[in-house]
Amino acid sequence: MNKFLVIILIFFLILSTAIVKNSTKRLDDEIFILRENVRSLKKDLENIKLENDYLSSAEKLLEFQNLYFENELIKKDIQEIKKINKNFDQIEITQFSFINE
């Protein structure tokens, strides 16, 4: 009887160890995949932030204006901006409303 219990106990321990090992390996694989995805997304974020900071700085915009447009661009008063709506054959011009107004 004791031998039978010891054999069952050993078999149970081997089986539970295999189950734990497989589930741990599966979790490690999922963690690795998630970390790689996060690493890739962080790299993309850094590139996008750099591009945004580089291209949207006031100095860069003025430099691009001088480089590519010379005197073609002019300043407009923000109140002069209008919105054009076309409904069927009718055209309606209204004052543009800004989000923070």
PDB file of N, CA and C in Angstrom:
ATOM      1  N   MET A   1       0.824  -1.193   0.000  1.00  0.00           N
ATOM      2  CA  MET A   1       0.000   0.000   0.000  1.00  0.00           C
ATOM      3  C   MET A   1       0.869   1.257   0.000  1.00  0.00           C
ATOM      4  N   ASN A   2       1.941   1.231   0.834  1.00  0.00           N
ATOM      5  CA  ASN A   2       2.819   2.387   0.902  1.00  0.00           C
ATOM      6  C   ASN A   2       3.527   2.623  -0.429  1.00  0.00           C
ATOM      7  N   LYS A   3       3.948   1.525  -1.081  1.00  0.00           N
ATOM      8  CA  LYS A   3       4.622   1.664  -2.367  1.00  0.00           C
ATOM      9  C   LYS A   3       3.686   2.280  -3.403  1.00  0.00           C
ATOM     10  N   PHE A   4       2.436   1.865  -3.350  1.00  0.00           N
ATOM     11  CA  PHE A   4       1.456   2.389  -4.287  1.00  0.00           C
ATOM     12  C   PHE A   4       1.241   3.887  -4.070  1.00  0.00           C
ATOM     13  N   LEU A   5       1.146   4.317  -2.813  1.00  0.00           N
ATOM     14  CA  LEU A   5       0.977   5.739  -2.502  1.00  0.00           C
ATOM     15  C   LEU A   5       2.200   6.546  -2.919  1.00  0.00           C
ATOM     16  N   VAL A   6       3.381   5.992  -2.706  1.00  0.00           N
ATOM     17  CA  VAL A   6       4.614   6.690  -3.099  1.00  0.00           C
ATOM     18  C   VAL A   6       4.677   6.828  -4.614  1.00  0.00           C
ATOM     19  N   ILE A   7       4.305   5.806  -5.325  1.00  0.00           N
ATOM     20  CA  ILE A   7       4.322   5.850  -6.797  1.00  0.00           C
ATOM     21  C   ILE A   7       3.306   6.883  -7.296  1.00  0.00           C
ATOM     22  N   ILE A   8       2.114   6.881  -6.715  1.00  0.00           N
ATOM     23  CA  ILE A   8       1.095   7.867  -7.107  1.00  0.00           C
ATOM     24  C   ILE A   8       1.571   9.281  -6.789  1.00  0.00           C
ATOM     25  N   LEU A   9       2.192   9.476  -5.623  1.00  0.00           N
ATOM     26  CA  LEU A   9       2.710  10.783  -5.226  1.00  0.00           C
ATOM     27  C   LEU A   9       3.802  11.253  -6.196  1.00  0.00           C
ATOM     28  N   ILE A  10       4.706  10.356  -6.551  1.00  0.00           N
ATOM     29  CA  ILE A  10       5.779  10.706  -7.491  1.00  0.00           C
ATOM     30  C   ILE A  10       5.188  11.031  -8.859  1.00  0.00           C
ATOM     31  N   PHE A  11       4.235  10.227  -9.308  1.00  0.00           N
ATOM     32  CA  PHE A  11       3.593  10.483 -10.591  1.00  0.00           C
ATOM     33  C   PHE A  11       2.870  11.832 -10.578  1.00  0.00           C
ATOM     34  N   PHE A  12       2.166  12.121  -9.490  1.00  0.00           N
ATOM     35  CA  PHE A  12       1.467  13.399  -9.345  1.00  0.00           C
ATOM     36  C   PHE A  12       2.451  14.567  -9.355  1.00  0.00           C
ATOM     37  N   LEU A  13       3.574  14.435  -8.666  1.00  0.00           N
ATOM     38  CA  LEU A  13       4.583  15.491  -8.635  1.00  0.00           C
ATOM     39  C   LEU A  13       5.190  15.722 -10.029  1.00  0.00           C
ATOM     40  N   ILE A  14       5.467  14.644 -10.740  1.00  0.00           N
ATOM     41  CA  ILE A  14       6.018  14.766 -12.104  1.00  0.00           C
ATOM     42  C   ILE A  14       5.001  15.448 -13.017  1.00  0.00           C
ATOM     43  N   LEU A  15       3.761  15.030 -12.922  1.00  0.00           N
ATOM     44  CA  LEU A  15       2.712  15.615 -13.741  1.00  0.00           C
ATOM     45  C   LEU A  15       2.499  17.094 -13.417  1.00  0.00           C
ATOM     46  N   SER A  16       2.430  17.447 -12.151  1.00  0.00           N
ATOM     47  CA  SER A  16       2.230  18.852 -11.766  1.00  0.00           C
ATOM     48  C   SER A  16       3.444  19.704 -12.157  1.00  0.00           C
ATOM     49  N   THR A  17       4.646  19.148 -12.050  1.00  0.00           N
ATOM     50  CA  THR A  17       5.846  19.874 -12.470  1.00  0.00           C
ATOM     51  C   THR A  17       5.812  20.149 -13.964  1.00  0.00           C
ATOM     52  N   ALA A  18       5.392  19.180 -14.755  1.00  0.00           N
ATOM     53  CA  ALA A  18       5.301  19.361 -16.211  1.00  0.00           C
ATOM     54  C   ALA A  18       4.260  20.425 -16.559  1.00  0.00           C
ATOM     55  N   ILE A  19       3.130  20.397 -15.877  1.00  0.00           N
ATOM     56  CA  ILE A  19       2.086  21.387 -16.138  1.00  0.00           C
ATOM     57  C   ILE A  19       2.574  22.789 -15.785  1.00  0.00           C
ATOM     58  N   VAL A  20       3.200  22.928 -14.615  1.00  0.00           N
ATOM     59  CA  VAL A  20       3.712  24.233 -14.188  1.00  0.00           C
ATOM     60  C   VAL A  20       4.796  24.720 -15.140  1.00  0.00           C
ATOM     61  N   LYS A  21       5.672  23.814 -15.564  1.00  0.00           N
ATOM     62  CA  LYS A  21       6.751  24.192 -16.476  1.00  0.00           C
ATOM     63  C   LYS A  21       6.192  24.659 -17.815  1.00  0.00           C
ATOM     64  N   ASN A  22       5.225  23.956 -18.358  1.00  0.00           N
ATOM     65  CA  ASN A  22       4.628  24.347 -19.638  1.00  0.00           C
ATOM     66  C   ASN A  22       3.893  25.680 -19.541  1.00  0.00           C
ATOM     67  N   SER A  23       3.143  25.870 -18.461  1.00  0.00           N
ATOM     68  CA  SER A  23       2.418  27.134 -18.326  1.00  0.00           C
ATOM     69  C   SER A  23       3.385  28.298 -18.099  1.00  0.00           C
ATOM     70  N   THR A  24       4.473  28.053 -17.381  1.00  0.00           N
ATOM     71  CA  THR A  24       5.480  29.087 -17.174  1.00  0.00           C
ATOM     72  C   THR A  24       6.158  29.447 -18.489  1.00  0.00           C
ATOM     73  N   LYS A  25       6.458  28.450 -19.293  1.00  0.00           N
ATOM     74  CA  LYS A  25       7.076  28.715 -20.604  1.00  0.00           C
ATOM     75  C   LYS A  25       6.128  29.500 -21.489  1.00  0.00           C
ATOM     76  N   ARG A  26       4.869  29.161 -21.477  1.00  0.00           N
ATOM     77  CA  ARG A  26       3.871  29.885 -22.266  1.00  0.00           C
ATOM     78  C   ARG A  26       3.786  31.348 -21.811  1.00  0.00           C
ATOM     79  N   LEU A  27       3.780  31.570 -20.497  1.00  0.00           N
ATOM     80  CA  LEU A  27       3.745  32.936 -19.975  1.00  0.00           C
ATOM     81  C   LEU A  27       5.007  33.711 -20.346  1.00  0.00           C
ATOM     82  N   ASP A  28       6.155  33.046 -20.271  1.00  0.00           N
ATOM     83  CA  ASP A  28       7.408  33.706 -20.664  1.00  0.00           C
ATOM     84  C   ASP A  28       7.382  34.110 -22.131  1.00  0.00           C
ATOM     85  N   ASP A  29       6.839  33.252 -22.978  1.00  0.00           N
ATOM     86  CA  ASP A  29       6.732  33.579 -24.402  1.00  0.00           C
ATOM     87  C   ASP A  29       5.813  34.781 -24.623  1.00  0.00           C
ATOM     88  N   GLU A  30       4.690  34.808 -23.925  1.00  0.00           N
ATOM     89  CA  GLU A  30       3.767  35.938 -24.050  1.00  0.00           C
ATOM     90  C   GLU A  30       4.409  37.229 -23.555  1.00  0.00           C
ATOM     91  N   ILE A  31       5.130  37.155 -22.442  1.00  0.00           N
ATOM     92  CA  ILE A  31       5.821  38.334 -21.907  1.00  0.00           C
ATOM     93  C   ILE A  31       6.873  38.822 -22.893  1.00  0.00           C
ATOM     94  N   PHE A  32       7.613  37.911 -23.494  1.00  0.00           N
ATOM     95  CA  PHE A  32       8.628  38.291 -24.468  1.00  0.00           C
ATOM     96  C   PHE A  32       8.001  38.993 -25.665  1.00  0.00           C
ATOM     97  N   ILE A  33       6.897  38.445 -26.172  1.00  0.00           N
ATOM     98  CA  ILE A  33       6.215  39.054 -27.316  1.00  0.00           C
ATOM     99  C   ILE A  33       5.711  40.446 -26.958  1.00  0.00           C
ATOM    100  N   LEU A  34       5.113  40.583 -25.784  1.00  0.00           N
ATOM    101  CA  LEU A  34       4.618  41.895 -25.361  1.00  0.00           C
ATOM    102  C   LEU A  34       5.749  42.904 -25.195  1.00  0.00           C
ATOM    103  N   ARG A  35       6.862  42.464 -24.629  1.00  0.00           N
ATOM    104  CA  ARG A  35       8.001  43.377 -24.471  1.00  0.00           C
ATOM    105  C   ARG A  35       8.555  43.814 -25.822  1.00  0.00           C
ATOM    106  N   GLU A  36       8.609  42.896 -26.775  1.00  0.00           N
ATOM    107  CA  GLU A  36       9.082  43.253 -28.112  1.00  0.00           C
ATOM    108  C   GLU A  36       8.127  44.243 -28.771  1.00  0.00           C
ATOM    109  N   ASN A  37       6.829  44.031 -28.594  1.00  0.00           N
ATOM    110  CA  ASN A  37       5.854  44.970 -29.146  1.00  0.00           C
ATOM    111  C   ASN A  37       5.989  46.339 -28.505  1.00  0.00           C
ATOM    112  N   VAL A  38       6.173  46.372 -27.199  1.00  0.00           N
ATOM    113  CA  VAL A  38       6.335  47.642 -26.497  1.00  0.00           C
ATOM    114  C   VAL A  38       7.621  48.330 -26.955  1.00  0.00           C
ATOM    115  N   ARG A  39       8.685  47.570 -27.113  1.00  0.00           N
ATOM    116  CA  ARG A  39       9.953  48.140 -27.568  1.00  0.00           C
ATOM    117  C   ARG A  39       9.789  48.756 -28.955  1.00  0.00           C
ATOM    118  N   SER A  40       9.101  48.060 -29.835  1.00  0.00           N
ATOM    119  CA  SER A  40       8.863  48.566 -31.180  1.00  0.00           C
ATOM    120  C   SER A  40       8.008  49.830 -31.140  1.00  0.00           C
ATOM    121  N   LEU A  41       6.973  49.831 -30.316  1.00  0.00           N
ATOM    122  CA  LEU A  41       6.102  51.001 -30.206  1.00  0.00           C
ATOM    123  C   LEU A  41       6.838  52.188 -29.590  1.00  0.00           C
ATOM    124  N   LYS A  42       7.718  51.933 -28.624  1.00  0.00           N
ATOM    125  CA  LYS A  42       8.505  53.016 -28.030  1.00  0.00           C
ATOM    126  C   LYS A  42       9.428  53.638 -29.064  1.00  0.00           C
ATOM    127  N   LYS A  43      10.026  52.796 -29.893  1.00  0.00           N
ATOM    128  CA  LYS A  43      10.910  53.307 -30.939  1.00  0.00           C
ATOM    129  C   LYS A  43      10.130  54.159 -31.924  1.00  0.00           C
ATOM    130  N   ASP A  44       8.939  53.686 -32.326  1.00  0.00           N
ATOM    131  CA  ASP A  44       8.096  54.468 -33.224  1.00  0.00           C
ATOM    132  C   ASP A  44       7.683  55.789 -32.582  1.00  0.00           C
ATOM    133  N   LEU A  45       7.340  55.745 -31.300  1.00  0.00           N
ATOM    134  CA  LEU A  45       6.948  56.959 -30.588  1.00  0.00           C
ATOM    135  C   LEU A  45       8.085  57.969 -30.543  1.00  0.00           C
ATOM    136  N   GLU A  46       9.296  57.502 -30.251  1.00  0.00           N
ATOM    137  CA  GLU A  46      10.444  58.394 -30.212  1.00  0.00           C
ATOM    138  C   GLU A  46      10.685  59.032 -31.581  1.00  0.00           C
ATOM    139  N   ASN A  47      10.578  58.239 -32.651  1.00  0.00           N
ATOM    140  CA  ASN A  47      10.769  58.779 -33.995  1.00  0.00           C
ATOM    141  C   ASN A  47       9.702  59.808 -34.347  1.00  0.00           C
ATOM    142  N   ILE A  48       8.478  59.518 -33.988  1.00  0.00           N
ATOM    143  CA  ILE A  48       7.383  60.446 -34.285  1.00  0.00           C
ATOM    144  C   ILE A  48       7.532  61.725 -33.473  1.00  0.00           C
ATOM    145  N   LYS A  49       7.911  61.591 -32.194  1.00  0.00           N
ATOM    146  CA  LYS A  49       8.117  62.782 -31.369  1.00  0.00           C
ATOM    147  C   LYS A  49       9.250  63.637 -31.918  1.00  0.00           C
ATOM    148  N   LEU A  50      10.327  63.000 -32.331  1.00  0.00           N
ATOM    149  CA  LEU A  50      11.451  63.733 -32.901  1.00  0.00           C
ATOM    150  C   LEU A  50      11.023  64.442 -34.174  1.00  0.00           C
ATOM    151  N   GLU A  51      10.317  63.737 -35.025  1.00  0.00           N
ATOM    152  CA  GLU A  51       9.853  64.336 -36.276  1.00  0.00           C
ATOM    153  C   GLU A  51       8.914  65.502 -35.998  1.00  0.00           C
ATOM    154  N   ASN A  52       8.003  65.333 -35.063  1.00  0.00           N
ATOM    155  CA  ASN A  52       7.060  66.392 -34.724  1.00  0.00           C
ATOM    156  C   ASN A  52       7.787  67.605 -34.153  1.00  0.00           C
ATOM    157  N   ASP A  53       8.710  67.379 -33.221  1.00  0.00           N
ATOM    158  CA  ASP A  53       9.455  68.483 -32.624  1.00  0.00           C
ATOM    159  C   ASP A  53      10.311  69.189 -33.660  1.00  0.00           C
ATOM    160  N   TYR A  54      10.903  68.416 -34.537  1.00  0.00           N
ATOM    161  CA  TYR A  54      11.800  68.988 -35.547  1.00  0.00           C
ATOM    162  C   TYR A  54      11.019  69.790 -36.581  1.00  0.00           C
ATOM    163  N   LEU A  55       9.916  69.220 -37.056  1.00  0.00           N
ATOM    164  CA  LEU A  55       9.177  69.866 -38.134  1.00  0.00           C
ATOM    165  C   LEU A  55       8.234  70.961 -37.664  1.00  0.00           C
ATOM    166  N   SER A  56       7.777  70.905 -36.420  1.00  0.00           N
ATOM    167  CA  SER A  56       6.764  71.859 -35.991  1.00  0.00           C
ATOM    168  C   SER A  56       7.332  73.021 -35.177  1.00  0.00           C
ATOM    169  N   SER A  57       8.633  73.100 -34.997  1.00  0.00           N
ATOM    170  CA  SER A  57       9.181  74.237 -34.269  1.00  0.00           C
ATOM    171  C   SER A  57       9.034  75.492 -35.121  1.00  0.00           C
ATOM    172  N   ALA A  58       8.837  76.610 -34.479  1.00  0.00           N
ATOM    173  CA  ALA A  58       8.617  77.863 -35.198  1.00  0.00           C
ATOM    174  C   ALA A  58       9.807  78.207 -36.090  1.00  0.00           C
ATOM    175  N   GLU A  59      11.002  77.959 -35.594  1.00  0.00           N
ATOM    176  CA  GLU A  59      12.192  78.271 -36.395  1.00  0.00           C
ATOM    177  C   GLU A  59      12.226  77.424 -37.662  1.00  0.00           C
ATOM    178  N   LYS A  60      11.893  76.160 -37.526  1.00  0.00           N
ATOM    179  CA  LYS A  60      11.913  75.276 -38.689  1.00  0.00           C
ATOM    180  C   LYS A  60      10.847  75.682 -39.700  1.00  0.00           C
ATOM    181  N   LEU A  61       9.652  76.038 -39.209  1.00  0.00           N
ATOM    182  CA  LEU A  61       8.595  76.442 -40.119  1.00  0.00           C
ATOM    183  C   LEU A  61       8.984  77.705 -40.877  1.00  0.00           C
ATOM    184  N   LEU A  62       9.595  78.656 -40.181  1.00  0.00           N
ATOM    185  CA  LEU A  62      10.048  79.876 -40.860  1.00  0.00           C
ATOM    186  C   LEU A  62      11.146  79.560 -41.862  1.00  0.00           C
ATOM    187  N   GLU A  63      12.034  78.634 -41.489  1.00  0.00           N
ATOM    188  CA  GLU A  63      13.106  78.236 -42.406  1.00  0.00           C
ATOM    189  C   GLU A  63      12.530  77.568 -43.663  1.00  0.00           C
ATOM    190  N   PHE A  64      11.538  76.686 -43.485  1.00  0.00           N
ATOM    191  CA  PHE A  64      10.897  76.049 -44.636  1.00  0.00           C
ATOM    192  C   PHE A  64      10.167  77.067 -45.502  1.00  0.00           C
ATOM    193  N   GLN A  65       9.536  78.041 -44.841  1.00  0.00           N
ATOM    194  CA  GLN A  65       8.845  79.079 -45.600  1.00  0.00           C
ATOM    195  C   GLN A  65       9.841  79.832 -46.469  1.00  0.00           C
ATOM    196  N   ASN A  66      10.958  80.230 -45.885  1.00  0.00           N
ATOM    197  CA  ASN A  66      11.963  80.970 -46.646  1.00  0.00           C
ATOM    198  C   ASN A  66      12.594  80.099 -47.729  1.00  0.00           C
ATOM    199  N   LEU A  67      12.776  78.844 -47.444  1.00  0.00           N
ATOM    200  CA  LEU A  67      13.443  77.950 -48.371  1.00  0.00           C
ATOM    201  C   LEU A  67      12.566  77.576 -49.564  1.00  0.00           C
ATOM    202  N   TYR A  68      11.297  77.250 -49.299  1.00  0.00           N
ATOM    203  CA  TYR A  68      10.449  76.704 -50.351  1.00  0.00           C
ATOM    204  C   TYR A  68       9.428  77.696 -50.915  1.00  0.00           C
ATOM    205  N   PHE A  69       8.963  78.637 -50.096  1.00  0.00           N
ATOM    206  CA  PHE A  69       7.867  79.487 -50.540  1.00  0.00           C
ATOM    207  C   PHE A  69       8.268  80.941 -50.760  1.00  0.00           C
ATOM    208  N   GLU A  70       9.408  81.329 -50.270  1.00  0.00           N
ATOM    209  CA  GLU A  70       9.914  82.700 -50.371  1.00  0.00           C
ATOM    210  C   GLU A  70       8.829  83.677 -49.956  1.00  0.00           C
ATOM    211  N   ASN A  71       8.267  84.446 -50.892  1.00  0.00           N
ATOM    212  CA  ASN A  71       7.279  85.463 -50.523  1.00  0.00           C
ATOM    213  C   ASN A  71       5.852  85.047 -50.874  1.00  0.00           C
ATOM    214  N   GLU A  72       5.637  83.789 -51.107  1.00  0.00           N
ATOM    215  CA  GLU A  72       4.304  83.325 -51.487  1.00  0.00           C
ATOM    216  C   GLU A  72       3.349  83.245 -50.305  1.00  0.00           C
ATOM    217  N   LEU A  73       3.860  83.068 -49.104  1.00  0.00           N
ATOM    218  CA  LEU A  73       3.008  82.960 -47.923  1.00  0.00           C
ATOM    219  C   LEU A  73       2.868  84.323 -47.262  1.00  0.00           C
ATOM    220  N   ILE A  74       1.644  84.625 -46.866  1.00  0.00           N
ATOM    221  CA  ILE A  74       1.402  85.877 -46.164  1.00  0.00           C
ATOM    222  C   ILE A  74       0.654  85.571 -44.878  1.00  0.00           C
ATOM    223  N   LYS A  75       0.783  86.456 -43.902  1.00  0.00           N
ATOM    224  CA  LYS A  75       0.077  86.271 -42.637  1.00  0.00           C
ATOM    225  C   LYS A  75      -1.374  86.691 -42.812  1.00  0.00           C
ATOM    226  N   LYS A  76      -2.267  85.943 -42.194  1.00  0.00           N
ATOM    227  CA  LYS A  76      -3.690  86.243 -42.221  1.00  0.00           C
ATOM    228  C   LYS A  76      -4.161  86.442 -40.791  1.00  0.00           C
ATOM    229  N   ASP A  77      -5.070  87.375 -40.626  1.00  0.00           N
ATOM    230  CA  ASP A  77      -5.698  87.547 -39.322  1.00  0.00           C
ATOM    231  C   ASP A  77      -6.625  86.363 -39.087  1.00  0.00           C
ATOM    232  N   ILE A  78      -6.599  85.841 -37.913  1.00  0.00           N
ATOM    233  CA  ILE A  78      -7.359  84.630 -37.613  1.00  0.00           C
ATOM    234  C   ILE A  78      -8.861  84.874 -37.719  1.00  0.00           C
ATOM    235  N   GLN A  79      -9.300  86.113 -37.539  1.00  0.00           N
ATOM    236  CA  GLN A  79     -10.722  86.433 -37.647  1.00  0.00           C
ATOM    237  C   GLN A  79     -11.193  86.456 -39.097  1.00  0.00           C
ATOM    238  N   GLU A  80     -10.276  86.517 -40.046  1.00  0.00           N
ATOM    239  CA  GLU A  80     -10.640  86.548 -41.460  1.00  0.00           C
ATOM    240  C   GLU A  80     -10.933  85.159 -42.023  1.00  0.00           C
ATOM    241  N   ILE A  81     -10.703  84.139 -41.251  1.00  0.00           N
ATOM    242  CA  ILE A  81     -10.920  82.774 -41.727  1.00  0.00           C
ATOM    243  C   ILE A  81     -12.413  82.485 -41.733  1.00  0.00           C
ATOM    244  N   LYS A  82     -12.909  82.027 -42.866  1.00  0.00           N
ATOM    245  CA  LYS A  82     -14.331  81.716 -43.046  1.00  0.00           C
ATOM    246  C   LYS A  82     -14.501  80.235 -43.370  1.00  0.00           C
ATOM    247  N   LYS A  83     -15.709  79.774 -43.167  1.00  0.00           N
ATOM    248  CA  LYS A  83     -16.032  78.387 -43.464  1.00  0.00           C
ATOM    249  C   LYS A  83     -17.065  78.365 -44.589  1.00  0.00           C
ATOM    250  N   ILE A  84     -16.806  77.542 -45.604  1.00  0.00           N
ATOM    251  CA  ILE A  84     -17.701  77.453 -46.749  1.00  0.00           C
ATOM    252  C   ILE A  84     -18.446  76.120 -46.689  1.00  0.00           C
ATOM    253  N   ASN A  85     -19.773  76.208 -46.682  1.00  0.00           N
ATOM    254  CA  ASN A  85     -20.620  75.018 -46.697  1.00  0.00           C
ATOM    255  C   ASN A  85     -21.354  74.976 -48.026  1.00  0.00           C
ATOM    256  N   LYS A  86     -21.354  73.826 -48.653  1.00  0.00           N
ATOM    257  CA  LYS A  86     -22.084  73.671 -49.915  1.00  0.00           C
ATOM    258  C   LYS A  86     -23.200  72.666 -49.687  1.00  0.00           C
ATOM    259  N   ASN A  87     -24.432  73.157 -49.766  1.00  0.00           N
ATOM    260  CA  ASN A  87     -25.610  72.306 -49.627  1.00  0.00           C
ATOM    261  C   ASN A  87     -26.329  72.292 -50.957  1.00  0.00           C
ATOM    262  N   PHE A  88     -26.286  71.175 -51.608  1.00  0.00           N
ATOM    263  CA  PHE A  88     -26.872  71.007 -52.933  1.00  0.00           C
ATOM    264  C   PHE A  88     -26.322  72.069 -53.871  1.00  0.00           C
ATOM    265  N   ASP A  89     -27.138  73.034 -54.312  1.00  0.00           N
ATOM    266  CA  ASP A  89     -26.663  74.065 -55.234  1.00  0.00           C
ATOM    267  C   ASP A  89     -26.389  75.380 -54.515  1.00  0.00           C
ATOM    268  N   GLN A  90     -26.516  75.398 -53.216  1.00  0.00           N
ATOM    269  CA  GLN A  90     -26.379  76.625 -52.450  1.00  0.00           C
ATOM    270  C   GLN A  90     -25.044  76.649 -51.721  1.00  0.00           C
ATOM    271  N   ILE A  91     -24.364  77.787 -51.738  1.00  0.00           N
ATOM    272  CA  ILE A  91     -23.096  77.961 -51.036  1.00  0.00           C
ATOM    273  C   ILE A  91     -23.312  78.943 -49.899  1.00  0.00           C
ATOM    274  N   GLU A  92     -22.906  78.543 -48.709  1.00  0.00           N
ATOM    275  CA  GLU A  92     -23.080  79.377 -47.519  1.00  0.00           C
ATOM    276  C   GLU A  92     -21.712  79.640 -46.901  1.00  0.00           C
ATOM    277  N   ILE A  93     -21.401  80.900 -46.640  1.00  0.00           N
ATOM    278  CA  ILE A  93     -20.131  81.286 -46.028  1.00  0.00           C
ATOM    279  C   ILE A  93     -20.430  81.773 -44.622  1.00  0.00           C
ATOM    280  N   THR A  94     -19.801  81.116 -43.622  1.00  0.00           N
ATOM    281  CA  THR A  94     -20.014  81.479 -42.218  1.00  0.00           C
ATOM    282  C   THR A  94     -18.682  81.723 -41.540  1.00  0.00           C
ATOM    283  N   GLN A  95     -18.744  82.376 -40.401  1.00  0.00           N
ATOM    284  CA  GLN A  95     -17.541  82.628 -39.610  1.00  0.00           C
ATOM    285  C   GLN A  95     -17.059  81.303 -39.024  1.00  0.00           C
ATOM    286  N   PHE A  96     -15.777  81.070 -39.104  1.00  0.00           N
ATOM    287  CA  PHE A  96     -15.198  79.841 -38.569  1.00  0.00           C
ATOM    288  C   PHE A  96     -15.155  79.942 -37.055  1.00  0.00           C
ATOM    289  N   SER A  97     -15.624  78.920 -36.360  1.00  0.00           N
ATOM    290  CA  SER A  97     -15.571  78.925 -34.891  1.00  0.00           C
ATOM    291  C   SER A  97     -14.468  77.994 -34.439  1.00  0.00           C
ATOM    292  N   PHE A  98     -13.692  78.480 -33.514  1.00  0.00           N
ATOM    293  CA  PHE A  98     -12.559  77.706 -33.009  1.00  0.00           C
ATOM    294  C   PHE A  98     -12.985  76.890 -31.801  1.00  0.00           C
ATOM    295  N   ILE A  99     -12.259  75.850 -31.527  1.00  0.00           N
ATOM    296  CA  ILE A  99     -12.634  74.912 -30.464  1.00  0.00           C
ATOM    297  C   ILE A  99     -12.626  75.577 -29.103  1.00  0.00           C
ATOM    298  N   ASN A 100     -11.615  76.391 -28.817  1.00  0.00           N
ATOM    299  CA  ASN A 100     -11.488  76.953 -27.472  1.00  0.00           C
ATOM    300  C   ASN A 100     -12.231  78.265 -27.298  1.00  0.00           C
ATOM    301  N   GLU A 101     -13.098  78.637 -28.227  1.00  0.00           N
ATOM    302  CA  GLU A 101     -13.881  79.857 -28.073  1.00  0.00           C
ATOM    303  C   GLU A 101     -15.164  79.571 -27.353  1.00  0.00           C
TER     304      GLU A 101
END
